[in-house]
N, C-alpha and C. Protein backbone atom coordinates (compact mmCIF):
# COMPACT_ATOMS: atom_id res chain seq x y z
N UNK A 1 6.47 -9.89 -12.25
CA UNK A 1 6.31 -8.81 -11.29
C UNK A 1 4.85 -8.72 -10.87
N UNK A 2 4.60 -8.75 -9.59
CA UNK A 2 3.26 -8.60 -9.04
C UNK A 2 3.06 -7.14 -8.68
N UNK A 3 1.87 -6.58 -8.98
CA UNK A 3 1.64 -5.16 -8.78
C UNK A 3 0.24 -4.92 -8.22
N UNK A 4 0.11 -3.91 -7.36
CA UNK A 4 -1.17 -3.49 -6.82
C UNK A 4 -1.29 -1.99 -7.05
N UNK A 5 -2.25 -1.59 -7.87
CA UNK A 5 -2.49 -0.16 -8.08
C UNK A 5 -3.34 0.35 -6.93
N UNK A 6 -2.92 1.46 -6.35
CA UNK A 6 -3.62 2.03 -5.21
C UNK A 6 -4.69 3.02 -5.69
N UNK A 7 -5.58 3.37 -4.77
CA UNK A 7 -6.69 4.26 -5.10
C UNK A 7 -6.18 5.62 -5.60
N UNK A 8 -5.16 6.16 -4.95
CA UNK A 8 -4.56 7.44 -5.35
C UNK A 8 -3.22 7.60 -4.65
N UNK A 9 -2.55 8.72 -4.93
CA UNK A 9 -1.26 9.00 -4.30
C UNK A 9 -1.47 9.55 -2.89
N UNK A 10 -0.76 10.61 -2.54
CA UNK A 10 -0.89 11.19 -1.20
C UNK A 10 -2.24 11.87 -1.01
N UNK A 11 -2.82 12.39 -2.09
CA UNK A 11 -4.10 13.11 -2.03
C UNK A 11 -5.03 12.59 -3.11
N UNK A 12 -6.35 12.65 -2.87
CA UNK A 12 -7.30 12.10 -3.84
C UNK A 12 -7.21 12.71 -5.23
N UNK A 13 -6.69 13.93 -5.36
CA UNK A 13 -6.61 14.54 -6.69
C UNK A 13 -5.36 14.12 -7.47
N UNK A 14 -4.51 13.28 -6.89
CA UNK A 14 -3.30 12.82 -7.56
C UNK A 14 -3.55 11.52 -8.31
N UNK A 15 -2.67 11.27 -9.29
CA UNK A 15 -2.78 10.01 -10.02
C UNK A 15 -2.44 8.84 -9.10
N UNK A 16 -2.93 7.65 -9.42
CA UNK A 16 -2.71 6.49 -8.55
C UNK A 16 -1.23 6.13 -8.37
N UNK A 17 -0.91 5.71 -7.17
CA UNK A 17 0.41 5.13 -6.88
C UNK A 17 0.30 3.63 -7.07
N UNK A 18 1.40 2.93 -6.88
CA UNK A 18 1.36 1.48 -6.96
C UNK A 18 2.41 0.88 -6.06
N UNK A 19 2.16 -0.34 -5.64
CA UNK A 19 3.12 -1.12 -4.88
C UNK A 19 3.46 -2.32 -5.75
N UNK A 20 4.75 -2.64 -5.87
CA UNK A 20 5.12 -3.77 -6.72
C UNK A 20 6.34 -4.49 -6.20
N UNK A 21 6.49 -5.71 -6.63
CA UNK A 21 7.66 -6.54 -6.32
C UNK A 21 8.23 -7.00 -7.65
N UNK A 22 9.53 -6.91 -7.81
CA UNK A 22 10.17 -7.42 -9.02
C UNK A 22 10.20 -8.94 -9.02
N UNK A 23 10.43 -9.54 -7.87
CA UNK A 23 10.50 -11.00 -7.75
C UNK A 23 9.49 -11.49 -6.72
N UNK A 24 8.68 -12.44 -7.09
CA UNK A 24 7.75 -13.04 -6.14
C UNK A 24 6.48 -12.24 -5.96
N UNK A 25 5.67 -12.71 -5.03
CA UNK A 25 4.38 -12.08 -4.75
C UNK A 25 4.53 -10.96 -3.74
N UNK A 26 3.54 -10.09 -3.71
CA UNK A 26 3.50 -9.03 -2.71
C UNK A 26 3.36 -9.64 -1.31
N UNK A 27 3.97 -9.02 -0.31
CA UNK A 27 3.88 -9.56 1.05
C UNK A 27 2.59 -9.16 1.78
N UNK A 28 1.62 -8.65 1.03
CA UNK A 28 0.35 -8.20 1.61
C UNK A 28 -0.81 -8.79 0.82
N UNK A 29 -1.98 -8.78 1.43
CA UNK A 29 -3.20 -9.20 0.75
C UNK A 29 -4.30 -8.22 1.13
N UNK A 30 -4.94 -7.62 0.14
CA UNK A 30 -6.05 -6.71 0.40
C UNK A 30 -7.32 -7.55 0.50
N UNK A 31 -7.99 -7.45 1.63
CA UNK A 31 -9.18 -8.26 1.86
C UNK A 31 -10.47 -7.57 1.42
N UNK A 32 -10.49 -6.24 1.48
CA UNK A 32 -11.72 -5.53 1.16
C UNK A 32 -11.40 -4.12 0.68
N UNK A 33 -12.02 -3.70 -0.39
CA UNK A 33 -11.85 -2.34 -0.89
C UNK A 33 -10.57 -2.15 -1.68
N UNK A 34 -10.27 -0.89 -1.95
CA UNK A 34 -9.07 -0.52 -2.69
C UNK A 34 -8.31 0.52 -1.87
N UNK A 35 -7.19 0.14 -1.25
CA UNK A 35 -6.47 1.06 -0.37
C UNK A 35 -5.77 2.18 -1.14
N UNK A 36 -5.49 3.25 -0.43
CA UNK A 36 -4.71 4.36 -0.96
C UNK A 36 -3.31 4.35 -0.37
N UNK A 37 -2.46 5.20 -0.90
CA UNK A 37 -1.07 5.32 -0.47
C UNK A 37 -0.98 5.60 1.03
N UNK A 38 -1.80 6.53 1.52
CA UNK A 38 -1.77 6.90 2.94
C UNK A 38 -2.16 5.72 3.82
N UNK A 39 -3.09 4.88 3.36
CA UNK A 39 -3.46 3.69 4.13
C UNK A 39 -2.25 2.81 4.40
N UNK A 40 -1.40 2.64 3.40
CA UNK A 40 -0.21 1.80 3.58
C UNK A 40 0.82 2.49 4.48
N UNK A 41 0.98 3.80 4.35
CA UNK A 41 1.90 4.50 5.26
C UNK A 41 1.43 4.34 6.71
N UNK A 42 0.13 4.48 6.94
CA UNK A 42 -0.41 4.31 8.29
C UNK A 42 -0.13 2.90 8.81
N UNK A 43 -0.37 1.90 8.00
CA UNK A 43 -0.16 0.51 8.42
C UNK A 43 1.31 0.25 8.74
N UNK A 44 2.22 0.74 7.92
CA UNK A 44 3.65 0.52 8.17
C UNK A 44 4.10 1.25 9.43
N UNK A 45 3.58 2.45 9.67
CA UNK A 45 3.94 3.19 10.88
C UNK A 45 3.41 2.52 12.14
N UNK A 46 2.22 1.96 12.09
CA UNK A 46 1.67 1.23 13.24
C UNK A 46 2.55 0.03 13.55
N UNK A 47 3.02 -0.66 12.53
CA UNK A 47 3.89 -1.80 12.74
C UNK A 47 5.15 -1.44 13.52
N UNK A 48 5.75 -0.29 13.19
CA UNK A 48 6.95 0.12 13.91
C UNK A 48 6.63 0.53 15.35
N UNK A 49 5.45 1.08 15.59
CA UNK A 49 5.06 1.43 16.96
C UNK A 49 4.84 0.19 17.81
N UNK A 50 4.25 -0.83 17.22
CA UNK A 50 3.97 -2.06 17.97
C UNK A 50 5.24 -2.82 18.34
N UNK A 51 6.28 -2.70 17.53
CA UNK A 51 7.54 -3.40 17.81
C UNK A 51 8.31 -2.74 18.93
N UNK A 52 8.06 -1.46 19.19
CA UNK A 52 8.83 -0.73 20.23
C UNK A 52 8.26 -0.91 21.60
């Protein structure tokens, strides 16, 4: 299982969230810094806007 611990949950005062895959590698690569949960929600929402 590949796992990426995020900077925090929805808010900075929350414990860290994580993204993981049971099989195979994560479909993402972090190039710089340590993203938070909200960063990934923003990225996924932008993807759906671009497809429409």
